[in-house]
PDB file of N, CA and C in Angstrom:
ATOM      1  N   MET A   1     121.346 -10.645 149.074  1.00  0.00           N
ATOM      2  CA  MET A   1     120.434 -11.541 148.547  1.00  0.00           C
ATOM      3  C   MET A   1     121.141 -12.510 147.450  1.00  0.00           C
ATOM      4  N   ALA A   2     121.151 -13.544 147.496  1.00  0.00           N
ATOM      5  CA  ALA A   2     122.035 -14.618 146.777  1.00  0.00           C
ATOM      6  C   ALA A   2     121.043 -15.193 145.747  1.00  0.00           C
ATOM      7  N   THR A   3     121.334 -15.148 144.583  1.00  0.00           N
ATOM      8  CA  THR A   3     120.518 -15.790 143.614  1.00  0.00           C
ATOM      9  C   THR A   3     121.215 -17.287 142.996  1.00  0.00           C
ATOM     10  N   SER A   4     120.414 -17.873 142.555  1.00  0.00           N
ATOM     11  CA  SER A   4     120.881 -19.387 142.431  1.00  0.00           C
ATOM     12  C   SER A   4     121.968 -19.495 141.467  1.00  0.00           C
ATOM     13  N   PHE A   5     122.262 -18.652 140.653  1.00  0.00           N
ATOM     14  CA  PHE A   5     123.436 -18.724 139.826  1.00  0.00           C
ATOM     15  C   PHE A   5     124.638 -18.503 140.592  1.00  0.00           C
ATOM     16  N   LYS A   6     124.286 -17.633 141.500  1.00  0.00           N
ATOM     17  CA  LYS A   6     125.576 -17.000 142.439  1.00  0.00           C
ATOM     18  C   LYS A   6     125.917 -18.023 143.102  1.00  0.00           C
ATOM     19  N   THR A   7     124.997 -18.835 143.704  1.00  0.00           N
ATOM     20  CA  THR A   7     125.525 -19.819 144.788  1.00  0.00           C
ATOM     21  C   THR A   7     125.918 -21.007 143.790  1.00  0.00           C
ATOM     22  N   LYS A   8     125.413 -21.053 142.906  1.00  0.00           N
ATOM     23  CA  LYS A   8     126.048 -22.462 142.121  1.00  0.00           C
ATOM     24  C   LYS A   8     127.399 -21.998 141.742  1.00  0.00           C
ATOM     25  N   ALA A   9     127.933 -21.039 141.205  1.00  0.00           N
ATOM     26  CA  ALA A   9     129.131 -20.434 141.052  1.00  0.00           C
ATOM     27  C   ALA A   9     129.907 -20.471 142.194  1.00  0.00           C
ATOM     28  N   VAL A  10     129.695 -20.106 143.541  1.00  0.00           N
ATOM     29  CA  VAL A  10     130.408 -20.062 144.692  1.00  0.00           C
ATOM     30  C   VAL A  10     130.699 -21.641 145.076  1.00  0.00           C
ATOM     31  N   GLU A  11     129.799 -22.549 144.807  1.00  0.00           N
ATOM     32  CA  GLU A  11     129.894 -23.649 145.242  1.00  0.00           C
ATOM     33  C   GLU A  11     130.861 -24.470 144.113  1.00  0.00           C
ATOM     34  N   GLU A  12     130.880 -23.987 142.789  1.00  0.00           N
ATOM     35  CA  GLU A  12     131.711 -24.751 141.878  1.00  0.00           C
ATOM     36  C   GLU A  12     133.314 -23.976 142.163  1.00  0.00           C
ATOM     37  N   LEU A  13     133.332 -22.852 142.278  1.00  0.00           N
ATOM     38  CA  LEU A  13     134.636 -22.376 142.717  1.00  0.00           C
ATOM     39  C   LEU A  13     135.206 -22.864 144.070  1.00  0.00           C
ATOM     40  N   ARG A  14     134.348 -23.250 144.955  1.00  0.00           N
ATOM     41  CA  ARG A  14     134.915 -23.902 146.506  1.00  0.00           C
ATOM     42  C   ARG A  14     135.477 -25.291 145.949  1.00  0.00           C
ATOM     43  N   LYS A  15     134.742 -25.967 145.136  1.00  0.00           N
ATOM     44  CA  LYS A  15     135.147 -27.296 144.560  1.00  0.00           C
ATOM     45  C   LYS A  15     136.424 -27.095 143.729  1.00  0.00           C
ATOM     46  N   ALA A  16     136.504 -26.448 142.619  1.00  0.00           N
ATOM     47  CA  ALA A  16     137.832 -26.026 142.019  1.00  0.00           C
ATOM     48  C   ALA A  16     139.262 -25.753 143.076  1.00  0.00           C
ATOM     49  N   LYS A  17     138.668 -24.835 144.023  1.00  0.00           N
ATOM     50  CA  LYS A  17     139.888 -24.432 144.895  1.00  0.00           C
ATOM     51  C   LYS A  17     140.044 -25.701 145.650  1.00  0.00           C
ATOM     52  N   GLN A  18     139.461 -26.699 145.943  1.00  0.00           N
ATOM     53  CA  GLN A  18     139.528 -27.753 146.989  1.00  0.00           C
ATOM     54  C   GLN A  18     140.484 -28.872 145.998  1.00  0.00           C
ATOM     55  N   LEU A  19     140.191 -29.095 145.072  1.00  0.00           N
ATOM     56  CA  LEU A  19     140.873 -29.845 144.037  1.00  0.00           C
ATOM     57  C   LEU A  19     142.203 -29.128 143.703  1.00  0.00           C
ATOM     58  N   GLU A  20     142.331 -27.783 143.734  1.00  0.00           N
ATOM     59  CA  GLU A  20     143.833 -27.209 143.440  1.00  0.00           C
ATOM     60  C   GLU A  20     144.521 -27.699 144.811  1.00  0.00           C
ATOM     61  N   ARG A  21     143.969 -27.428 145.865  1.00  0.00           N
ATOM     62  CA  ARG A  21     144.794 -27.574 147.184  1.00  0.00           C
ATOM     63  C   ARG A  21     145.132 -28.929 147.190  1.00  0.00           C
ATOM     64  N   GLU A  22     144.134 -29.834 146.882  1.00  0.00           N
ATOM     65  CA  GLU A  22     144.583 -31.405 146.753  1.00  0.00           C
ATOM     66  C   GLU A  22     145.765 -31.640 146.084  1.00  0.00           C
ATOM     67  N   ALA A  23     145.936 -31.084 144.491  1.00  0.00           N
ATOM     68  CA  ALA A  23     146.896 -31.239 143.709  1.00  0.00           C
ATOM     69  C   ALA A  23     148.244 -30.705 144.345  1.00  0.00           C
ATOM     70  N   GLU A  24     148.106 -29.261 145.097  1.00  0.00           N
ATOM     71  CA  GLU A  24     149.194 -28.994 145.786  1.00  0.00           C
ATOM     72  C   GLU A  24     149.725 -29.902 146.679  1.00  0.00           C
ATOM     73  N   ALA A  25     149.021 -30.409 147.431  1.00  0.00           N
ATOM     74  CA  ALA A  25     149.223 -31.096 148.452  1.00  0.00           C
ATOM     75  C   ALA A  25     150.305 -32.300 148.052  1.00  0.00           C
ATOM     76  N   THR A  26     149.646 -33.042 147.106  1.00  0.00           N
ATOM     77  CA  THR A  26     150.135 -34.242 146.329  1.00  0.00           C
ATOM     78  C   THR A  26     151.377 -33.709 145.763  1.00  0.00           C
ATOM     79  N   ALA A  27     151.742 -32.572 145.301  1.00  0.00           N
ATOM     80  CA  ALA A  27     152.878 -32.422 144.421  1.00  0.00           C
ATOM     81  C   ALA A  27     153.905 -31.998 145.263  1.00  0.00           C
ATOM     82  N   HIS A  28     153.385 -31.451 146.572  1.00  0.00           N
ATOM     83  CA  HIS A  28     154.312 -31.081 147.773  1.00  0.00           C
ATOM     84  C   HIS A  28     154.894 -32.536 148.493  1.00  0.00           C
ATOM     85  N   ALA A  29     153.895 -33.510 148.474  1.00  0.00           N
ATOM     86  CA  ALA A  29     154.527 -34.809 149.178  1.00  0.00           C
ATOM     87  C   ALA A  29     155.456 -35.320 148.318  1.00  0.00           C
ATOM     88  N   GLN A  30     155.238 -35.463 147.057  1.00  0.00           N
ATOM     89  CA  GLN A  30     156.109 -35.725 146.255  1.00  0.00           C
ATOM     90  C   GLN A  30     157.490 -35.212 146.217  1.00  0.00           C
ATOM     91  N   SER A  31     157.274 -34.119 146.135  1.00  0.00           N
ATOM     92  CA  SER A  31     158.768 -33.209 146.212  1.00  0.00           C
ATOM     93  C   SER A  31     159.426 -33.611 147.459  1.00  0.00           C
ATOM     94  N   LYS A  32     158.688 -33.616 148.483  1.00  0.00           N
ATOM     95  CA  LYS A  32     159.472 -33.839 149.691  1.00  0.00           C
ATOM     96  C   LYS A  32     159.954 -35.456 149.955  1.00  0.00           C
ATOM     97  N   SER A  33     159.206 -36.265 149.145  1.00  0.00           N
ATOM     98  CA  SER A  33     159.549 -37.814 149.528  1.00  0.00           C
ATOM     99  C   SER A  33     160.851 -37.736 148.482  1.00  0.00           C
ATOM    100  N   ALA A  34     160.894 -37.206 147.373  1.00  0.00           N
ATOM    101  CA  ALA A  34     162.023 -37.022 146.409  1.00  0.00           C
ATOM    102  C   ALA A  34     163.339 -36.411 147.096  1.00  0.00           C
ATOM    103  N   LYS A  35     163.224 -35.338 148.093  1.00  0.00           N
ATOM    104  CA  LYS A  35     164.397 -35.050 148.634  1.00  0.00           C
ATOM    105  C   LYS A  35     164.747 -35.951 149.637  1.00  0.00           C
ATOM    106  N   TYR A  36     163.641 -36.570 150.398  1.00  0.00           N
ATOM    107  CA  TYR A  36     163.915 -37.471 151.385  1.00  0.00           C
ATOM    108  C   TYR A  36     164.788 -38.560 150.821  1.00  0.00           C
ATOM    109  N   ALA A  37     164.430 -39.103 149.725  1.00  0.00           N
ATOM    110  CA  ALA A  37     165.286 -40.242 149.181  1.00  0.00           C
ATOM    111  C   ALA A  37     166.486 -39.639 148.603  1.00  0.00           C
ATOM    112  N   LYS A  38     166.822 -38.613 148.048  1.00  0.00           N
ATOM    113  CA  LYS A  38     168.005 -38.024 147.756  1.00  0.00           C
ATOM    114  C   LYS A  38     169.110 -37.862 148.784  1.00  0.00           C
ATOM    115  N   ASN A  39     168.339 -37.643 149.871  1.00  0.00           N
ATOM    116  CA  ASN A  39     169.232 -37.197 151.086  1.00  0.00           C
ATOM    117  C   ASN A  39     169.808 -38.576 151.742  1.00  0.00           C
ATOM    118  N   VAL A  40     168.902 -39.597 151.699  1.00  0.00           N
ATOM    119  CA  VAL A  40     169.258 -40.938 152.333  1.00  0.00           C
ATOM    120  C   VAL A  40     170.492 -41.671 151.158  1.00  0.00           C
ATOM    121  N   VAL A  41     170.307 -41.299 150.028  1.00  0.00           N
ATOM    122  CA  VAL A  41     171.030 -41.712 149.008  1.00  0.00           C
ATOM    123  C   VAL A  41     172.746 -40.966 149.416  1.00  0.00           C
ATOM    124  N   ASN A  42     172.454 -39.819 149.412  1.00  0.00           N
ATOM    125  CA  ASN A  42     173.678 -38.902 149.966  1.00  0.00           C
ATOM    126  C   ASN A  42     174.516 -39.536 151.341  1.00  0.00           C
ATOM    127  N   GLU A  43     173.596 -39.750 152.344  1.00  0.00           N
ATOM    128  CA  GLU A  43     174.061 -40.063 153.675  1.00  0.00           C
ATOM    129  C   GLU A  43     174.855 -41.367 153.424  1.00  0.00           C
ATOM    130  N   LYS A  44     173.999 -42.342 152.618  1.00  0.00           N
ATOM    131  CA  LYS A  44     174.732 -43.438 152.588  1.00  0.00           C
ATOM    132  C   LYS A  44     176.116 -43.500 151.771  1.00  0.00           C
ATOM    133  N   ARG A  45     176.093 -42.710 151.000  1.00  0.00           N
ATOM    134  CA  ARG A  45     177.546 -42.214 150.124  1.00  0.00           C
ATOM    135  C   ARG A  45     178.512 -41.926 151.261  1.00  0.00           C
ATOM    136  N   ILE A  46     178.073 -41.032 151.870  1.00  0.00           N
ATOM    137  CA  ILE A  46     179.032 -40.242 152.860  1.00  0.00           C
ATOM    138  C   ILE A  46     179.527 -41.404 153.675  1.00  0.00           C
ATOM    139  N   ALA A  47     178.410 -42.357 154.438  1.00  0.00           N
ATOM    140  CA  ALA A  47     178.958 -43.175 155.238  1.00  0.00           C
ATOM    141  C   ALA A  47     179.914 -44.252 154.522  1.00  0.00           C
ATOM    142  N   ASP A  48     179.704 -44.739 153.411  1.00  0.00           N
ATOM    143  CA  ASP A  48     180.517 -45.541 152.697  1.00  0.00           C
ATOM    144  C   ASP A  48     182.056 -44.921 152.797  1.00  0.00           C
ATOM    145  N   LYS A  49     182.206 -43.578 152.300  1.00  0.00           N
ATOM    146  CA  LYS A  49     183.327 -42.898 152.091  1.00  0.00           C
ATOM    147  C   LYS A  49     184.233 -42.887 153.343  1.00  0.00           C
ATOM    148  N   MET A  50     183.254 -42.635 154.390  1.00  0.00           N
ATOM    149  CA  MET A  50     183.714 -42.501 156.043  1.00  0.00           C
ATOM    150  C   MET A  50     184.345 -43.800 156.298  1.00  0.00           C
ATOM    151  N   ALA A  51     183.476 -45.079 155.989  1.00  0.00           N
ATOM    152  CA  ALA A  51     184.192 -46.422 156.149  1.00  0.00           C
ATOM    153  C   ALA A  51     185.348 -46.723 155.432  1.00  0.00           C
ATOM    154  N   ARG A  52     185.316 -46.434 154.149  1.00  0.00           N
ATOM    155  CA  ARG A  52     186.610 -46.437 153.484  1.00  0.00           C
ATOM    156  C   ARG A  52     187.950 -45.700 153.913  1.00  0.00           C
ATOM    157  N   ILE A  53     187.568 -44.465 154.454  1.00  0.00           N
ATOM    158  CA  ILE A  53     188.725 -43.708 155.136  1.00  0.00           C
ATOM    159  C   ILE A  53     189.396 -44.547 156.247  1.00  0.00           C
ATOM    160  N   GLU A  54     188.445 -44.610 157.204  1.00  0.00           N
ATOM    161  CA  GLU A  54     188.398 -45.546 158.551  1.00  0.00           C
ATOM    162  C   GLU A  54     189.443 -46.805 158.415  1.00  0.00           C
ATOM    163  N   LYS A  55     189.024 -47.358 157.215  1.00  0.00           N
ATOM    164  CA  LYS A  55     189.916 -48.605 156.740  1.00  0.00           C
ATOM    165  C   LYS A  55     191.194 -48.306 156.459  1.00  0.00           C
ATOM    166  N   GLY A  56     191.429 -47.041 155.951  1.00  0.00           N
ATOM    167  CA  GLY A  56     192.650 -46.939 155.035  1.00  0.00           C
ATOM    168  C   GLY A  56     192.872 -47.059 153.780  1.00  0.00           C
ATOM    169  N   GLU A  57     191.702 -47.543 153.326  1.00  0.00           N
ATOM    170  CA  GLU A  57     191.582 -47.928 151.753  1.00  0.00           C
ATOM    171  C   GLU A  57     191.831 -46.503 150.900  1.00  0.00           C
ATOM    172  N   GLU A  58     192.422 -46.934 149.524  1.00  0.00           N
ATOM    173  CA  GLU A  58     192.634 -45.838 148.799  1.00  0.00           C
ATOM    174  C   GLU A  58     191.216 -45.136 148.301  1.00  0.00           C
ATOM    175  N   PRO A  59     191.048 -43.904 147.822  1.00  0.00           N
ATOM    176  CA  PRO A  59     189.756 -43.414 147.368  1.00  0.00           C
ATOM    177  C   PRO A  59     189.585 -43.909 146.056  1.00  0.00           C
ATOM    178  N   VAL A  60     188.385 -44.181 145.729  1.00  0.00           N
ATOM    179  CA  VAL A  60     187.927 -44.874 144.482  1.00  0.00           C
ATOM    180  C   VAL A  60     188.230 -43.920 143.192  1.00  0.00           C
ATOM    181  N   VAL A  61     188.970 -43.739 142.178  1.00  0.00           N
ATOM    182  CA  VAL A  61     189.200 -43.134 141.500  1.00  0.00           C
ATOM    183  C   VAL A  61     188.324 -42.979 140.158  1.00  0.00           C
ATOM    184  N   VAL A  62     187.436 -42.298 139.980  1.00  0.00           N
ATOM    185  CA  VAL A  62     186.597 -42.217 138.953  1.00  0.00           C
ATOM    186  C   VAL A  62     186.654 -41.211 137.793  1.00  0.00           C
ATOM    187  N   VAL A  63     188.046 -40.468 137.776  1.00  0.00           N
ATOM    188  CA  VAL A  63     188.274 -39.291 137.117  1.00  0.00           C
ATOM    189  C   VAL A  63     188.430 -39.651 135.657  1.00  0.00           C
ATOM    190  N   GLU A  64     188.782 -40.911 135.334  1.00  0.00           N
ATOM    191  CA  GLU A  64     188.729 -40.998 133.943  1.00  0.00           C
ATOM    192  C   GLU A  64     187.469 -41.218 133.163  1.00  0.00           C
ATOM    193  N   LYS A  65     186.382 -42.010 133.800  1.00  0.00           N
ATOM    194  CA  LYS A  65     185.133 -41.921 133.812  1.00  0.00           C
ATOM    195  C   LYS A  65     184.261 -40.735 133.662  1.00  0.00           C
ATOM    196  N   VAL A  66     184.632 -39.962 134.707  1.00  0.00           N
ATOM    197  CA  VAL A  66     183.844 -38.488 134.726  1.00  0.00           C
ATOM    198  C   VAL A  66     184.453 -37.906 133.501  1.00  0.00           C
ATOM    199  N   ALA A  67     185.558 -37.967 133.207  1.00  0.00           N
ATOM    200  CA  ALA A  67     186.365 -36.972 132.118  1.00  0.00           C
ATOM    201  C   ALA A  67     185.766 -37.146 130.701  1.00  0.00           C
ATOM    202  N   GLU A  68     185.482 -38.745 130.451  1.00  0.00           N
ATOM    203  CA  GLU A  68     185.083 -39.352 129.139  1.00  0.00           C
ATOM    204  C   GLU A  68     183.420 -38.750 129.058  1.00  0.00           C
ATOM    205  N   GLU A  69     182.672 -38.926 130.369  1.00  0.00           N
ATOM    206  CA  GLU A  69     181.375 -38.385 130.204  1.00  0.00           C
ATOM    207  C   GLU A  69     181.467 -37.064 130.026  1.00  0.00           C
ATOM    208  N   VAL A  70     181.973 -36.196 130.532  1.00  0.00           N
ATOM    209  CA  VAL A  70     182.076 -34.704 130.533  1.00  0.00           C
ATOM    210  C   VAL A  70     182.605 -34.498 128.884  1.00  0.00           C
ATOM    211  N   GLN A  71     183.489 -35.122 128.418  1.00  0.00           N
ATOM    212  CA  GLN A  71     183.726 -35.084 127.096  1.00  0.00           C
ATOM    213  C   GLN A  71     182.668 -35.423 126.155  1.00  0.00           C
ATOM    214  N   GLU A  72     181.610 -36.230 126.235  1.00  0.00           N
ATOM    215  CA  GLU A  72     180.895 -36.665 125.472  1.00  0.00           C
ATOM    216  C   GLU A  72     179.578 -35.783 125.460  1.00  0.00           C
ATOM    217  N   VAL A  73     179.206 -35.128 126.878  1.00  0.00           N
ATOM    218  CA  VAL A  73     178.579 -34.049 127.022  1.00  0.00           C
ATOM    219  C   VAL A  73     178.790 -32.852 126.370  1.00  0.00           C
ATOM    220  N   GLN A  74     179.850 -32.562 126.330  1.00  0.00           N
ATOM    221  CA  GLN A  74     180.426 -31.452 125.866  1.00  0.00           C
ATOM    222  C   GLN A  74     180.489 -31.461 124.124  1.00  0.00           C
ATOM    223  N   GLU A  75     180.704 -32.419 123.681  1.00  0.00           N
ATOM    224  CA  GLU A  75     180.631 -32.835 122.103  1.00  0.00           C
ATOM    225  C   GLU A  75     179.129 -32.592 121.682  1.00  0.00           C
ATOM    226  N   ALA A  76     178.375 -33.053 122.542  1.00  0.00           N
ATOM    227  CA  ALA A  76     176.976 -33.272 122.307  1.00  0.00           C
ATOM    228  C   ALA A  76     176.096 -31.795 122.182  1.00  0.00           C
ATOM    229  N   VAL A  77     176.713 -30.983 123.325  1.00  0.00           N
ATOM    230  CA  VAL A  77     176.380 -29.507 123.448  1.00  0.00           C
ATOM    231  C   VAL A  77     177.007 -28.619 122.296  1.00  0.00           C
ATOM    232  N   VAL A  78     177.963 -29.155 121.937  1.00  0.00           N
ATOM    233  CA  VAL A  78     178.766 -28.100 120.680  1.00  0.00           C
ATOM    234  C   VAL A  78     177.825 -28.608 119.528  1.00  0.00           C
ATOM    235  N   GLU A  79     177.576 -29.921 119.348  1.00  0.00           N
ATOM    236  CA  GLU A  79     176.637 -30.146 117.900  1.00  0.00           C
ATOM    237  C   GLU A  79     175.339 -29.402 118.073  1.00  0.00           C
ATOM    238  N   GLU A  80     174.747 -29.555 119.198  1.00  0.00           N
ATOM    239  CA  GLU A  80     173.416 -28.691 119.233  1.00  0.00           C
ATOM    240  C   GLU A  80     173.531 -27.265 119.238  1.00  0.00           C
ATOM    241  N   VAL A  81     174.419 -26.599 119.610  1.00  0.00           N
ATOM    242  CA  VAL A  81     174.596 -25.199 119.408  1.00  0.00           C
ATOM    243  C   VAL A  81     175.171 -25.061 117.997  1.00  0.00           C
ATOM    244  N   VAL A  82     175.803 -25.814 117.334  1.00  0.00           N
ATOM    245  CA  VAL A  82     176.118 -25.569 115.772  1.00  0.00           C
ATOM    246  C   VAL A  82     174.955 -25.538 115.074  1.00  0.00           C
ATOM    247  N   GLU A  83     174.023 -26.713 115.348  1.00  0.00           N
ATOM    248  CA  GLU A  83     172.568 -26.899 114.677  1.00  0.00           C
ATOM    249  C   GLU A  83     171.854 -25.715 115.009  1.00  0.00           C
ATOM    250  N   GLU A  84     171.869 -25.097 115.932  1.00  0.00           N
ATOM    251  CA  GLU A  84     170.914 -24.101 116.470  1.00  0.00           C
ATOM    252  C   GLU A  84     171.574 -22.550 115.514  1.00  0.00           C
ATOM    253  N   VAL A  85     173.026 -22.435 115.340  1.00  0.00           N
ATOM    254  CA  VAL A  85     173.398 -21.358 114.845  1.00  0.00           C
ATOM    255  C   VAL A  85     173.241 -21.646 113.256  1.00  0.00           C
ATOM    256  N   VAL A  86     173.037 -22.853 112.854  1.00  0.00           N
ATOM    257  CA  VAL A  86     172.978 -22.969 111.485  1.00  0.00           C
ATOM    258  C   VAL A  86     171.641 -22.532 110.994  1.00  0.00           C
ATOM    259  N   GLU A  87     170.604 -23.165 111.873  1.00  0.00           N
ATOM    260  CA  GLU A  87     169.120 -22.819 111.560  1.00  0.00           C
ATOM    261  C   GLU A  87     168.547 -21.495 111.837  1.00  0.00           C
ATOM    262  N   LYS A  88     169.287 -20.674 112.495  1.00  0.00           N
ATOM    263  CA  LYS A  88     168.723 -19.283 112.615  1.00  0.00           C
ATOM    264  C   LYS A  88     168.701 -18.436 111.567  1.00  0.00           C
ATOM    265  N   PRO A  89     167.392 -17.740 111.246  1.00  0.00           N
ATOM    266  CA  PRO A  89     167.348 -17.192 110.008  1.00  0.00           C
ATOM    267  C   PRO A  89     168.274 -15.734 110.000  1.00  0.00           C
ATOM    268  N   LYS A  90     168.727 -15.265 108.817  1.00  0.00           N
ATOM    269  CA  LYS A  90     169.286 -14.108 108.808  1.00  0.00           C
ATOM    270  C   LYS A  90     168.498 -12.776 109.316  1.00  0.00           C
ATOM    271  N   ALA A  91     169.013 -11.686 109.679  1.00  0.00           N
ATOM    272  CA  ALA A  91     168.532 -10.605 110.392  1.00  0.00           C
ATOM    273  C   ALA A  91     168.007  -9.906 109.106  1.00  0.00           C
ATOM    274  N   LYS A  92     166.827  -9.105 109.423  1.00  0.00           N
ATOM    275  CA  LYS A  92     166.183  -8.080 108.438  1.00  0.00           C
ATOM    276  C   LYS A  92     167.249  -7.002 108.311  1.00  0.00           C
ATOM    277  N   ALA A  93     167.191  -6.476 107.218  1.00  0.00           N
ATOM    278  CA  ALA A  93     167.899  -5.173 107.232  1.00  0.00           C
ATOM    279  C   ALA A  93     167.061  -3.979 107.785  1.00  0.00           C
ATOM    280  N   LYS A  94     167.992  -2.841 108.363  1.00  0.00           N
ATOM    281  CA  LYS A  94     167.391  -1.908 109.015  1.00  0.00           C
ATOM    282  C   LYS A  94     166.642  -1.063 108.224  1.00  0.00           C
ATOM    283  N   SER A  95     165.590  -0.612 108.531  1.00  0.00           N
ATOM    284  CA  SER A  95     165.013   0.397 107.591  1.00  0.00           C
ATOM    285  C   SER A  95     165.447   1.792 107.903  1.00  0.00           C
ATOM    286  N   VAL A  96     165.663   2.513 106.762  1.00  0.00           N
ATOM    287  CA  VAL A  96     166.018   3.770 106.898  1.00  0.00           C
ATOM    288  C   VAL A  96     165.079   4.904 107.570  1.00  0.00           C
ATOM    289  N   THR A  97     165.938   5.637 108.596  1.00  0.00           N
ATOM    290  CA  THR A  97     165.051   6.606 109.305  1.00  0.00           C
ATOM    291  C   THR A  97     164.803   7.583 108.580  1.00  0.00           C
ATOM    292  N   LYS A  98     163.498   8.328 108.581  1.00  0.00           N
ATOM    293  CA  LYS A  98     163.458   9.629 108.175  1.00  0.00           C
ATOM    294  C   LYS A  98     163.738  10.677 108.859  1.00  0.00           C
ATOM    295  N   LYS A  99     164.381  11.747 108.120  1.00  0.00           N
ATOM    296  CA  LYS A  99     164.741  13.043 108.850  1.00  0.00           C
ATOM    297  C   LYS A  99     163.770  13.594 109.376  1.00  0.00           C
ATOM    298  N   LYS A 100     163.861  13.979 110.699  1.00  0.00           N
ATOM    299  CA  LYS A 100     162.631  14.774 111.336  1.00  0.00           C
ATOM    300  C   LYS A 100     162.744  16.384 111.228  1.00  0.00           C
ATOM    301  N   GLY A 101     162.107  17.175 111.142  1.00  0.00           N
ATOM    302  CA  GLY A 101     162.272  18.752 111.094  1.00  0.00           C
ATOM    303  C   GLY A 101     161.517  19.117 109.824  1.00  0.00           C
ATOM    304  N   ARG A 102     161.531  20.535 109.603  1.00  0.00           N
ATOM    305  CA  ARG A 102     161.019  21.074 108.594  1.00  0.00           C
ATOM    306  C   ARG A 102     161.386  20.399 107.207  1.00  0.00           C
ATOM    307  N   PRO A 103     160.289  20.227 106.253  1.00  0.00           N
ATOM    308  CA  PRO A 103     160.820  19.895 104.865  1.00  0.00           C
ATOM    309  C   PRO A 103     161.264  21.180 104.323  1.00  0.00           C
ATOM    310  N   ALA A 104     162.129  20.566 103.198  1.00  0.00           N
ATOM    311  CA  ALA A 104     162.806  21.710 102.380  1.00  0.00           C
ATOM    312  C   ALA A 104     161.908  22.489 101.423  1.00  0.00           C
ATOM    313  N   LYS A 105     162.321  23.730 101.072  1.00  0.00           N
ATOM    314  CA  LYS A 105     161.774  24.390 100.319  1.00  0.00           C
ATOM    315  C   LYS A 105     161.708  23.969  98.624  1.00  0.00           C
ATOM    316  N   ALA A 106     160.510  24.285  98.339  1.00  0.00           N
ATOM    317  CA  ALA A 106     160.209  23.765  97.028  1.00  0.00           C
ATOM    318  C   ALA A 106     160.932  24.685  96.053  1.00  0.00           C
ATOM    319  N   LYS A 107     161.698  24.223  94.955  1.00  0.00           N
ATOM    320  CA  LYS A 107     162.460  25.252  94.025  1.00  0.00           C
ATOM    321  C   LYS A 107     161.489  25.392  92.974  1.00  0.00           C
ATOM    322  N   LYS A 108     161.623  26.634  92.387  1.00  0.00           N
ATOM    323  CA  LYS A 108     160.434  27.264  91.401  1.00  0.00           C
ATOM    324  C   LYS A 108     161.077  27.272  90.046  1.00  0.00           C
TER     325      LYS A 108
END
């Protein structure tokens, strides 16, 4: 036999689960559309590349731009790492461990 507070709790749980399912469905749809958009851009890039190859054009060289961007990113990362290393506190000294076993005999 169900009491009123139990039925209310079950209804609230059902509503919460329904909201969670809707949120998951929305998130899934967004990720799926993002993947689809990324795939479309990739296919367009490949189609442009194949068209250039068929025409016999030279490939576009972007090595210099990429090298500069990589250099900038590396410098930024190195600066961040250096800042992190400087900001770290010094390690605490290890505590002296006590010897285990029988205590020494007292001197008279």
